């Protein structure tokens, strides 16, 4: 059976609001509703979300289609970047490049990539330890920690070239039996389901 890691799609960027409180934009909401019409969503038996607004909104749209209630799990939030506050997109992209290129170091007070990876891997592993492996499950979260989890599942070093393309609203699938990836990053509204 399958597990998914799903990243929230496009958000409403507001420098006056903490990043963890940003919600989905109209485009992000529309993309999630389109994905929610997919057959694979109705196969889900659990939907886990980080406690960030954009992830919760994504998870709730999917959960409504699946007839489920979301579960918030500690430790699944995005890498902590609060030390720098909001960064304009070009500056953020440079910072993210640095974050992945120097995983054992902190970018101007950010959580280190190795620590964020340890945290997300632990949260997912702990959740799956008590989960029925015959029941499909989705983890809804963020691109940074999703990439760190993906690197771990593939036994690869932390590198940004394993990151999702396009900046959000993608998923990858893995087998619950052995936690091997069965598909790489795919837009949420385009994935055809577990094969």
N, C-alpha and C. Protein backbone atom coordinates (compact mmCIF):
# COMPACT_ATOMS: atom_id res chain seq x y z
N UNK A 1 0.84 -1.18 0.00
CA UNK A 1 0.00 0.00 0.00
C UNK A 1 0.89 1.25 0.00
N UNK A 2 0.27 2.41 -0.18
CA UNK A 2 1.08 3.59 -0.44
C UNK A 2 0.96 4.66 0.63
N UNK A 3 2.04 5.43 0.71
CA UNK A 3 2.08 6.66 1.48
C UNK A 3 2.42 7.79 0.53
N UNK A 4 1.94 8.97 0.86
CA UNK A 4 2.22 10.15 0.04
C UNK A 4 2.83 11.24 0.90
N UNK A 5 3.73 11.99 0.31
CA UNK A 5 4.12 13.26 0.90
C UNK A 5 3.65 14.33 -0.07
N UNK A 6 2.79 15.23 0.41
CA UNK A 6 2.15 16.25 -0.42
C UNK A 6 2.57 17.63 0.10
N UNK A 7 3.00 18.48 -0.82
CA UNK A 7 3.32 19.85 -0.42
C UNK A 7 2.16 20.77 -0.76
N UNK A 8 1.94 21.75 0.10
CA UNK A 8 0.89 22.73 -0.17
C UNK A 8 1.23 23.47 -1.46
N UNK A 9 0.20 23.85 -2.24
CA UNK A 9 0.46 24.65 -3.44
C UNK A 9 0.59 26.14 -3.12
N UNK A 10 0.38 26.99 -4.10
CA UNK A 10 0.64 28.43 -3.99
C UNK A 10 -0.08 29.07 -2.81
N UNK A 11 0.60 30.05 -2.21
CA UNK A 11 0.08 30.72 -1.01
C UNK A 11 -0.08 32.22 -1.25
N UNK A 12 -0.83 32.85 -0.35
CA UNK A 12 -0.93 34.32 -0.33
C UNK A 12 0.26 34.84 0.45
N UNK A 13 1.19 35.46 -0.23
CA UNK A 13 2.39 35.99 0.42
C UNK A 13 2.06 37.34 1.04
N UNK A 14 2.31 37.45 2.33
CA UNK A 14 2.05 38.71 3.04
C UNK A 14 3.18 38.94 4.03
N UNK A 15 4.10 39.86 3.73
CA UNK A 15 5.24 40.11 4.62
C UNK A 15 4.84 40.51 6.03
N UNK A 16 3.61 41.00 6.22
CA UNK A 16 3.15 41.43 7.54
C UNK A 16 2.64 40.27 8.39
N UNK A 17 2.53 39.09 7.79
CA UNK A 17 1.99 37.91 8.48
C UNK A 17 3.12 36.89 8.62
N UNK A 18 3.25 36.23 9.79
CA UNK A 18 4.26 35.18 9.91
C UNK A 18 4.06 34.11 8.83
N UNK A 19 5.14 33.62 8.25
CA UNK A 19 5.07 32.65 7.15
C UNK A 19 4.22 31.44 7.54
N UNK A 20 4.31 31.00 8.79
CA UNK A 20 3.56 29.81 9.22
C UNK A 20 2.05 30.04 9.20
N UNK A 21 1.62 31.30 9.11
CA UNK A 21 0.20 31.64 9.11
C UNK A 21 -0.33 31.96 7.71
N UNK A 22 0.53 31.92 6.70
CA UNK A 22 0.06 32.18 5.34
C UNK A 22 -0.93 31.10 4.94
N UNK A 23 -1.97 31.52 4.22
CA UNK A 23 -2.95 30.58 3.70
C UNK A 23 -2.76 30.38 2.20
N UNK A 24 -3.57 29.50 1.65
CA UNK A 24 -3.52 29.23 0.22
C UNK A 24 -4.05 30.41 -0.58
N UNK A 25 -3.47 30.62 -1.73
CA UNK A 25 -3.99 31.63 -2.67
C UNK A 25 -5.17 31.02 -3.43
N UNK A 26 -5.81 31.81 -4.25
CA UNK A 26 -6.90 31.29 -5.07
C UNK A 26 -6.40 30.17 -5.99
N UNK A 27 -5.21 30.36 -6.56
CA UNK A 27 -4.64 29.32 -7.43
C UNK A 27 -4.35 28.05 -6.63
N UNK A 28 -3.74 28.21 -5.45
CA UNK A 28 -3.44 27.05 -4.61
C UNK A 28 -4.71 26.31 -4.19
N UNK A 29 -5.74 27.06 -3.84
CA UNK A 29 -7.02 26.44 -3.45
C UNK A 29 -7.64 25.70 -4.63
N UNK A 30 -7.63 26.32 -5.80
CA UNK A 30 -8.21 25.68 -6.99
C UNK A 30 -7.46 24.40 -7.35
N UNK A 31 -6.13 24.43 -7.27
CA UNK A 31 -5.34 23.24 -7.58
C UNK A 31 -5.65 22.11 -6.60
N UNK A 32 -5.80 22.46 -5.33
CA UNK A 32 -6.09 21.43 -4.33
C UNK A 32 -7.47 20.83 -4.55
N UNK A 33 -8.45 21.65 -4.89
CA UNK A 33 -9.79 21.13 -5.19
C UNK A 33 -9.76 20.21 -6.41
N UNK A 34 -8.97 20.57 -7.41
CA UNK A 34 -8.85 19.71 -8.59
C UNK A 34 -8.24 18.37 -8.20
N UNK A 35 -7.19 18.41 -7.37
CA UNK A 35 -6.58 17.16 -6.90
C UNK A 35 -7.57 16.34 -6.08
N UNK A 36 -8.40 17.02 -5.29
CA UNK A 36 -9.37 16.33 -4.43
C UNK A 36 -10.40 15.54 -5.22
N UNK A 37 -10.57 15.87 -6.50
CA UNK A 37 -11.49 15.12 -7.36
C UNK A 37 -10.88 13.82 -7.87
N UNK A 38 -9.60 13.60 -7.62
CA UNK A 38 -8.90 12.41 -8.11
C UNK A 38 -9.29 11.16 -7.32
N UNK A 39 -9.28 10.03 -7.99
CA UNK A 39 -9.65 8.77 -7.34
C UNK A 39 -8.73 8.43 -6.17
N UNK A 40 -7.44 8.78 -6.28
CA UNK A 40 -6.51 8.40 -5.23
C UNK A 40 -6.85 9.04 -3.89
N UNK A 41 -7.46 10.22 -3.92
CA UNK A 41 -7.80 10.89 -2.66
C UNK A 41 -8.82 10.06 -1.88
N UNK A 42 -9.76 9.47 -2.58
CA UNK A 42 -10.80 8.68 -1.92
C UNK A 42 -10.27 7.37 -1.35
N UNK A 43 -9.06 6.98 -1.74
CA UNK A 43 -8.43 5.77 -1.19
C UNK A 43 -7.75 6.03 0.15
N UNK A 44 -7.48 7.29 0.46
CA UNK A 44 -6.76 7.62 1.69
C UNK A 44 -7.56 7.23 2.93
N UNK A 45 -6.86 6.76 3.94
CA UNK A 45 -7.49 6.40 5.21
C UNK A 45 -7.04 7.31 6.35
N UNK A 46 -5.93 8.02 6.15
CA UNK A 46 -5.44 9.01 7.13
C UNK A 46 -4.78 10.15 6.38
N UNK A 47 -4.98 11.36 6.90
CA UNK A 47 -4.30 12.54 6.36
C UNK A 47 -3.67 13.27 7.54
N UNK A 48 -2.35 13.33 7.50
CA UNK A 48 -1.54 13.98 8.54
C UNK A 48 -1.14 15.36 8.01
N UNK A 49 -1.19 16.36 8.87
CA UNK A 49 -0.81 17.71 8.45
C UNK A 49 0.14 18.34 9.45
N UNK A 50 0.97 19.24 8.93
CA UNK A 50 1.73 20.11 9.82
C UNK A 50 0.76 21.11 10.42
N UNK A 51 1.23 21.88 11.40
CA UNK A 51 0.34 22.84 12.06
C UNK A 51 0.36 24.21 11.40
N UNK A 52 0.95 24.31 10.20
CA UNK A 52 0.98 25.59 9.48
C UNK A 52 -0.29 25.75 8.65
N UNK A 53 -0.81 26.97 8.59
CA UNK A 53 -2.11 27.25 7.96
C UNK A 53 -2.21 26.71 6.54
N UNK A 54 -1.20 26.94 5.72
CA UNK A 54 -1.26 26.51 4.32
C UNK A 54 -1.34 24.99 4.19
N UNK A 55 -0.66 24.27 5.07
CA UNK A 55 -0.75 22.81 5.05
C UNK A 55 -2.12 22.35 5.55
N UNK A 56 -2.61 22.97 6.60
CA UNK A 56 -3.92 22.61 7.14
C UNK A 56 -5.01 22.83 6.09
N UNK A 57 -4.96 23.98 5.41
CA UNK A 57 -5.98 24.25 4.39
C UNK A 57 -5.91 23.22 3.27
N UNK A 58 -4.72 22.85 2.84
CA UNK A 58 -4.56 21.82 1.81
C UNK A 58 -5.12 20.49 2.31
N UNK A 59 -4.73 20.10 3.52
CA UNK A 59 -5.17 18.82 4.09
C UNK A 59 -6.68 18.78 4.27
N UNK A 60 -7.28 19.88 4.69
CA UNK A 60 -8.73 19.88 4.92
C UNK A 60 -9.52 19.72 3.63
N UNK A 61 -9.04 20.30 2.54
CA UNK A 61 -9.73 20.13 1.25
C UNK A 61 -9.67 18.66 0.83
N UNK A 62 -8.50 18.04 0.96
CA UNK A 62 -8.35 16.63 0.61
C UNK A 62 -9.16 15.74 1.55
N UNK A 63 -9.15 16.08 2.83
CA UNK A 63 -9.88 15.27 3.82
C UNK A 63 -11.38 15.32 3.58
N UNK A 64 -11.91 16.48 3.19
CA UNK A 64 -13.34 16.59 2.92
C UNK A 64 -13.74 15.65 1.79
N UNK A 65 -12.91 15.55 0.76
CA UNK A 65 -13.20 14.67 -0.37
C UNK A 65 -13.10 13.19 0.02
N UNK A 66 -12.22 12.90 0.98
CA UNK A 66 -12.01 11.51 1.41
C UNK A 66 -12.91 11.11 2.57
N UNK A 67 -13.66 12.07 3.12
CA UNK A 67 -14.51 11.77 4.27
C UNK A 67 -13.72 11.55 5.54
N UNK A 68 -12.62 12.26 5.67
CA UNK A 68 -11.72 12.07 6.82
C UNK A 68 -11.59 13.36 7.62
N UNK A 69 -11.03 13.23 8.82
CA UNK A 69 -10.64 14.37 9.64
C UNK A 69 -9.12 14.39 9.67
N UNK A 70 -8.53 15.57 9.49
CA UNK A 70 -7.07 15.63 9.48
C UNK A 70 -6.51 15.45 10.89
N UNK A 71 -5.27 15.00 10.94
CA UNK A 71 -4.54 14.86 12.19
C UNK A 71 -3.32 15.78 12.12
N UNK A 72 -3.17 16.63 13.12
CA UNK A 72 -1.98 17.49 13.20
C UNK A 72 -0.91 16.73 13.97
N UNK A 73 0.27 16.61 13.39
CA UNK A 73 1.37 15.88 14.03
C UNK A 73 2.53 16.84 14.26
N UNK A 74 2.97 16.91 15.50
CA UNK A 74 4.13 17.75 15.85
C UNK A 74 5.36 17.30 15.07
N UNK A 75 6.18 18.25 14.74
CA UNK A 75 7.45 17.94 14.10
C UNK A 75 7.39 17.89 12.58
N UNK A 76 6.21 18.14 12.00
CA UNK A 76 6.09 18.07 10.54
C UNK A 76 6.12 19.44 9.88
N UNK A 77 6.34 20.49 10.65
CA UNK A 77 6.37 21.85 10.11
C UNK A 77 7.61 22.07 9.23
N UNK A 78 7.56 23.17 8.48
CA UNK A 78 8.68 23.53 7.60
C UNK A 78 9.91 23.86 8.43
N UNK A 79 11.09 23.87 7.76
CA UNK A 79 12.30 24.25 8.49
C UNK A 79 12.10 25.66 9.07
N UNK A 80 12.55 25.84 10.30
CA UNK A 80 12.35 27.10 11.02
C UNK A 80 13.26 28.18 10.44
N UNK A 81 12.61 29.17 9.82
CA UNK A 81 13.34 30.28 9.19
C UNK A 81 13.01 31.60 9.88
N UNK A 82 12.44 31.52 11.06
CA UNK A 82 11.95 32.73 11.74
C UNK A 82 13.08 33.71 12.07
N UNK A 83 14.31 33.25 12.15
CA UNK A 83 15.43 34.14 12.51
C UNK A 83 15.61 35.27 11.52
N UNK A 84 15.27 35.04 10.27
CA UNK A 84 15.44 36.10 9.26
C UNK A 84 14.13 36.82 8.96
N UNK A 85 13.01 36.26 9.36
CA UNK A 85 11.74 36.84 8.96
C UNK A 85 11.54 36.68 7.47
N UNK A 86 10.61 37.45 6.91
CA UNK A 86 10.29 37.36 5.49
C UNK A 86 11.48 37.79 4.65
N UNK A 87 11.76 37.00 3.61
CA UNK A 87 12.77 37.35 2.62
C UNK A 87 12.08 37.46 1.27
N UNK A 88 12.42 38.50 0.51
CA UNK A 88 11.87 38.63 -0.83
C UNK A 88 12.24 37.38 -1.65
N UNK A 89 11.39 36.97 -2.60
CA UNK A 89 11.63 35.72 -3.33
C UNK A 89 13.05 35.52 -3.86
N UNK A 90 13.68 36.49 -4.52
CA UNK A 90 15.05 36.22 -5.00
C UNK A 90 16.03 35.95 -3.85
N UNK A 91 15.88 36.70 -2.77
CA UNK A 91 16.75 36.51 -1.61
C UNK A 91 16.46 35.17 -0.94
N UNK A 92 15.17 34.80 -0.88
CA UNK A 92 14.80 33.51 -0.30
C UNK A 92 15.41 32.36 -1.10
N UNK A 93 15.36 32.43 -2.42
CA UNK A 93 15.89 31.35 -3.24
C UNK A 93 17.39 31.17 -3.00
N UNK A 94 18.11 32.27 -2.85
CA UNK A 94 19.55 32.18 -2.55
C UNK A 94 19.76 31.55 -1.17
N UNK A 95 18.92 31.94 -0.20
CA UNK A 95 19.03 31.38 1.14
C UNK A 95 18.73 29.88 1.13
N UNK A 96 17.71 29.48 0.37
CA UNK A 96 17.37 28.06 0.28
C UNK A 96 18.49 27.26 -0.37
N UNK A 97 19.11 27.83 -1.41
CA UNK A 97 20.26 27.17 -2.02
C UNK A 97 21.34 26.92 -0.97
N UNK A 98 21.63 27.94 -0.16
CA UNK A 98 22.66 27.83 0.87
C UNK A 98 22.27 26.78 1.92
N UNK A 99 21.00 26.80 2.34
CA UNK A 99 20.47 25.85 3.33
C UNK A 99 20.75 24.40 2.91
N UNK A 100 20.46 24.09 1.66
CA UNK A 100 20.67 22.72 1.18
C UNK A 100 22.14 22.42 0.92
N UNK A 101 22.91 23.42 0.53
CA UNK A 101 24.33 23.21 0.23
C UNK A 101 25.19 23.06 1.48
N UNK A 102 24.70 23.56 2.62
CA UNK A 102 25.45 23.52 3.88
C UNK A 102 24.56 22.93 4.98
N UNK A 103 24.19 21.65 4.86
CA UNK A 103 23.18 21.09 5.76
C UNK A 103 23.56 21.06 7.23
N UNK A 104 24.84 21.10 7.54
CA UNK A 104 25.27 21.05 8.95
C UNK A 104 25.47 22.44 9.54
N UNK A 105 25.16 23.48 8.77
CA UNK A 105 25.34 24.85 9.24
C UNK A 105 24.00 25.59 9.20
N UNK A 106 23.93 26.67 9.96
CA UNK A 106 22.71 27.47 10.02
C UNK A 106 22.86 28.72 9.16
N UNK A 107 21.87 28.96 8.32
CA UNK A 107 21.84 30.19 7.54
C UNK A 107 21.23 31.29 8.40
N UNK A 108 22.06 32.19 8.90
CA UNK A 108 21.61 33.37 9.66
C UNK A 108 20.57 33.02 10.74
N UNK A 109 20.78 31.89 11.41
CA UNK A 109 19.91 31.51 12.51
C UNK A 109 18.80 30.53 12.15
N UNK A 110 18.69 30.14 10.88
CA UNK A 110 17.70 29.14 10.48
C UNK A 110 18.02 27.79 11.13
N UNK A 111 17.00 26.98 11.27
CA UNK A 111 17.20 25.57 11.66
C UNK A 111 18.10 24.92 10.61
N UNK A 112 19.06 24.15 11.07
CA UNK A 112 19.96 23.47 10.13
C UNK A 112 19.20 22.37 9.37
N UNK A 113 19.61 22.12 8.14
CA UNK A 113 18.96 21.09 7.34
C UNK A 113 19.05 19.71 8.00
N UNK A 114 20.19 19.40 8.61
CA UNK A 114 20.31 18.07 9.24
C UNK A 114 19.35 17.94 10.42
N UNK A 115 19.09 19.04 11.12
CA UNK A 115 18.16 18.99 12.25
C UNK A 115 16.72 18.90 11.77
N UNK A 116 16.39 19.65 10.72
CA UNK A 116 15.04 19.59 10.15
C UNK A 116 14.79 18.20 9.57
N UNK A 117 15.80 17.61 8.95
CA UNK A 117 15.64 16.26 8.41
C UNK A 117 15.40 15.25 9.53
N UNK A 118 16.18 15.34 10.58
CA UNK A 118 16.02 14.43 11.72
C UNK A 118 14.60 14.54 12.29
N UNK A 119 14.10 15.76 12.37
CA UNK A 119 12.77 16.01 12.93
C UNK A 119 11.66 15.43 12.05
N UNK A 120 11.69 15.69 10.74
CA UNK A 120 10.63 15.20 9.86
C UNK A 120 10.69 13.68 9.72
N UNK A 121 11.88 13.12 9.65
CA UNK A 121 12.01 11.66 9.56
C UNK A 121 11.45 11.01 10.83
N UNK A 122 11.77 11.58 11.98
CA UNK A 122 11.26 11.05 13.24
C UNK A 122 9.74 11.12 13.30
N UNK A 123 9.16 12.25 12.90
CA UNK A 123 7.70 12.41 12.95
C UNK A 123 7.01 11.42 12.03
N UNK A 124 7.54 11.22 10.83
CA UNK A 124 6.94 10.28 9.88
C UNK A 124 7.13 8.84 10.36
N UNK A 125 8.33 8.52 10.82
CA UNK A 125 8.62 7.17 11.31
C UNK A 125 7.73 6.82 12.50
N UNK A 126 7.60 7.75 13.44
CA UNK A 126 6.75 7.50 14.62
C UNK A 126 5.29 7.31 14.22
N UNK A 127 4.82 8.10 13.27
CA UNK A 127 3.44 7.97 12.81
C UNK A 127 3.23 6.62 12.15
N UNK A 128 4.15 6.22 11.28
CA UNK A 128 4.00 4.95 10.56
C UNK A 128 4.17 3.74 11.47
N UNK A 129 4.86 3.90 12.60
CA UNK A 129 5.07 2.77 13.51
C UNK A 129 3.76 2.22 14.06
N UNK A 130 2.76 3.08 14.21
CA UNK A 130 1.47 2.63 14.73
C UNK A 130 0.37 2.64 13.67
N UNK A 131 0.77 2.80 12.41
CA UNK A 131 -0.19 2.89 11.31
C UNK A 131 -0.38 1.53 10.65
N UNK A 132 -1.61 1.22 10.25
CA UNK A 132 -1.92 -0.01 9.52
C UNK A 132 -1.29 0.07 8.13
N UNK A 133 -0.31 -0.79 7.82
CA UNK A 133 0.39 -0.68 6.55
C UNK A 133 -0.45 -1.05 5.33
N UNK A 134 -1.69 -1.48 5.55
CA UNK A 134 -2.58 -1.75 4.41
C UNK A 134 -3.48 -0.57 4.10
N UNK A 135 -3.31 0.53 4.86
CA UNK A 135 -4.16 1.71 4.69
C UNK A 135 -3.36 2.88 4.11
N UNK A 136 -3.77 3.41 2.95
CA UNK A 136 -3.07 4.55 2.37
C UNK A 136 -3.10 5.77 3.31
N UNK A 137 -1.99 6.47 3.35
CA UNK A 137 -1.84 7.62 4.24
C UNK A 137 -1.15 8.75 3.48
N UNK A 138 -1.52 9.98 3.80
CA UNK A 138 -0.86 11.15 3.21
C UNK A 138 -0.35 12.07 4.30
N UNK A 139 0.86 12.55 4.11
CA UNK A 139 1.45 13.58 4.95
C UNK A 139 1.42 14.88 4.15
N UNK A 140 0.77 15.89 4.67
CA UNK A 140 0.66 17.17 3.96
C UNK A 140 1.56 18.18 4.66
N UNK A 141 2.49 18.72 3.91
CA UNK A 141 3.44 19.64 4.53
C UNK A 141 4.08 20.59 3.55
N UNK A 142 5.40 20.57 3.52
CA UNK A 142 6.16 21.67 2.93
C UNK A 142 7.32 21.15 2.08
N UNK A 143 7.71 21.98 1.12
CA UNK A 143 8.74 21.58 0.18
C UNK A 143 10.10 21.31 0.79
N UNK A 144 10.51 22.16 1.73
CA UNK A 144 11.84 21.98 2.31
C UNK A 144 11.97 20.67 3.07
N UNK A 145 11.10 20.45 4.05
CA UNK A 145 11.20 19.21 4.84
C UNK A 145 10.77 18.01 4.01
N UNK A 146 9.88 18.23 3.04
CA UNK A 146 9.51 17.13 2.15
C UNK A 146 10.70 16.64 1.35
N UNK A 147 11.52 17.57 0.91
CA UNK A 147 12.74 17.21 0.19
C UNK A 147 13.73 16.50 1.10
N UNK A 148 13.85 16.99 2.33
CA UNK A 148 14.75 16.33 3.29
C UNK A 148 14.30 14.90 3.58
N UNK A 149 12.98 14.70 3.71
CA UNK A 149 12.45 13.35 3.91
C UNK A 149 12.73 12.49 2.68
N UNK A 150 12.52 13.04 1.51
CA UNK A 150 12.77 12.31 0.26
C UNK A 150 14.23 11.87 0.17
N UNK A 151 15.15 12.78 0.50
CA UNK A 151 16.57 12.42 0.50
C UNK A 151 16.82 11.23 1.42
N UNK A 152 16.21 11.25 2.60
CA UNK A 152 16.37 10.15 3.55
C UNK A 152 15.80 8.85 2.98
N UNK A 153 14.59 8.90 2.43
CA UNK A 153 13.95 7.68 1.90
C UNK A 153 14.78 7.08 0.77
N UNK A 154 15.45 7.93 0.00
CA UNK A 154 16.25 7.44 -1.12
C UNK A 154 17.70 7.15 -0.73
N UNK A 155 18.04 7.40 0.53
CA UNK A 155 19.41 7.16 0.98
C UNK A 155 20.41 8.07 0.31
N UNK A 156 19.97 9.30 -0.02
CA UNK A 156 20.83 10.25 -0.70
C UNK A 156 21.23 11.38 0.24
N UNK A 157 22.32 12.04 -0.11
CA UNK A 157 22.75 13.18 0.67
C UNK A 157 21.78 14.34 0.44
N UNK A 158 21.77 15.27 1.38
CA UNK A 158 20.90 16.45 1.28
C UNK A 158 21.42 17.35 0.16
N UNK A 159 20.56 17.56 -0.84
CA UNK A 159 20.90 18.45 -1.96
C UNK A 159 19.62 19.04 -2.51
N UNK A 160 19.69 20.26 -2.96
CA UNK A 160 18.49 20.93 -3.45
C UNK A 160 18.02 20.37 -4.78
N UNK A 161 18.86 19.69 -5.51
CA UNK A 161 18.39 19.16 -6.80
C UNK A 161 17.39 18.01 -6.62
N UNK A 162 17.12 17.62 -5.37
CA UNK A 162 16.06 16.65 -5.08
C UNK A 162 14.76 17.35 -4.74
N UNK A 163 14.76 18.70 -4.78
CA UNK A 163 13.61 19.51 -4.41
C UNK A 163 12.53 19.43 -5.49
N UNK A 164 11.30 19.78 -5.10
CA UNK A 164 10.19 19.77 -6.05
C UNK A 164 10.37 20.88 -7.09
N UNK A 165 9.96 20.61 -8.31
CA UNK A 165 9.99 21.67 -9.32
C UNK A 165 8.75 22.56 -9.17
N UNK A 166 8.85 23.79 -9.58
CA UNK A 166 7.67 24.62 -9.67
C UNK A 166 7.19 25.29 -8.40
N UNK A 167 7.81 25.02 -7.27
CA UNK A 167 7.52 25.77 -6.06
C UNK A 167 6.31 25.39 -5.25
N UNK A 168 5.75 24.23 -5.42
CA UNK A 168 4.67 23.81 -4.52
C UNK A 168 3.57 23.04 -5.21
N UNK A 169 2.78 22.35 -4.38
CA UNK A 169 1.67 21.58 -4.91
C UNK A 169 2.11 20.34 -5.65
N UNK A 170 3.10 19.64 -5.11
CA UNK A 170 3.59 18.40 -5.69
C UNK A 170 3.51 17.28 -4.65
N UNK A 171 3.67 16.06 -5.12
CA UNK A 171 3.70 14.92 -4.21
C UNK A 171 4.70 13.89 -4.72
N UNK A 172 5.12 13.03 -3.81
CA UNK A 172 5.79 11.79 -4.20
C UNK A 172 5.15 10.67 -3.42
N UNK A 173 5.25 9.48 -3.99
CA UNK A 173 4.61 8.31 -3.42
C UNK A 173 5.68 7.32 -2.98
N UNK A 174 5.40 6.64 -1.87
CA UNK A 174 6.32 5.60 -1.41
C UNK A 174 5.52 4.41 -0.90
N UNK A 175 6.14 3.26 -0.96
CA UNK A 175 5.52 2.03 -0.49
C UNK A 175 5.57 1.99 1.03
N UNK A 176 4.46 1.64 1.66
CA UNK A 176 4.47 1.51 3.11
C UNK A 176 5.21 0.25 3.55
N UNK A 177 5.34 -0.71 2.67
CA UNK A 177 6.03 -1.95 3.02
C UNK A 177 7.52 -1.74 3.22
N UNK A 178 8.15 -0.96 2.34
CA UNK A 178 9.60 -0.79 2.43
C UNK A 178 10.05 0.67 2.36
N UNK A 179 9.10 1.59 2.27
CA UNK A 179 9.37 3.03 2.21
C UNK A 179 10.24 3.43 1.03
N UNK A 180 10.14 2.67 -0.07
CA UNK A 180 10.83 3.05 -1.31
C UNK A 180 9.91 3.91 -2.15
N UNK A 181 10.50 4.92 -2.78
CA UNK A 181 9.71 5.79 -3.65
C UNK A 181 9.22 5.03 -4.88
N UNK A 182 7.96 5.23 -5.21
CA UNK A 182 7.42 4.64 -6.44
C UNK A 182 7.16 5.70 -7.50
N UNK A 183 7.21 6.97 -7.10
CA UNK A 183 7.18 8.06 -8.08
C UNK A 183 7.87 9.26 -7.48
N UNK A 184 8.45 10.06 -8.36
CA UNK A 184 9.13 11.29 -7.94
C UNK A 184 8.10 12.41 -7.90
N UNK A 185 8.55 13.62 -7.58
CA UNK A 185 7.66 14.76 -7.49
C UNK A 185 6.76 14.84 -8.72
N UNK A 186 5.46 14.95 -8.46
CA UNK A 186 4.44 15.06 -9.50
C UNK A 186 3.42 16.09 -9.05
N UNK A 187 2.95 16.99 -9.93
CA UNK A 187 1.91 17.93 -9.53
C UNK A 187 0.70 17.19 -8.96
N UNK A 188 0.13 17.71 -7.88
CA UNK A 188 -0.95 16.99 -7.18
C UNK A 188 -2.16 16.72 -8.05
N UNK A 189 -2.44 17.60 -8.98
CA UNK A 189 -3.62 17.40 -9.82
C UNK A 189 -3.35 16.50 -11.03
N UNK A 190 -2.10 16.08 -11.18
CA UNK A 190 -1.74 15.21 -12.32
C UNK A 190 -1.45 13.76 -11.94
N UNK A 191 -1.23 13.50 -10.63
CA UNK A 191 -0.86 12.12 -10.25
C UNK A 191 -2.02 11.20 -10.54
N UNK A 192 -1.70 10.04 -11.10
CA UNK A 192 -2.73 9.07 -11.51
C UNK A 192 -3.02 7.99 -10.47
N UNK A 193 -2.25 8.01 -9.39
CA UNK A 193 -2.51 7.05 -8.32
C UNK A 193 -1.51 5.93 -8.25
N UNK A 194 -1.64 5.13 -7.20
CA UNK A 194 -0.76 4.00 -6.90
C UNK A 194 -0.92 2.92 -7.93
N UNK A 195 0.20 2.42 -8.43
CA UNK A 195 0.17 1.32 -9.40
C UNK A 195 0.65 0.05 -8.75
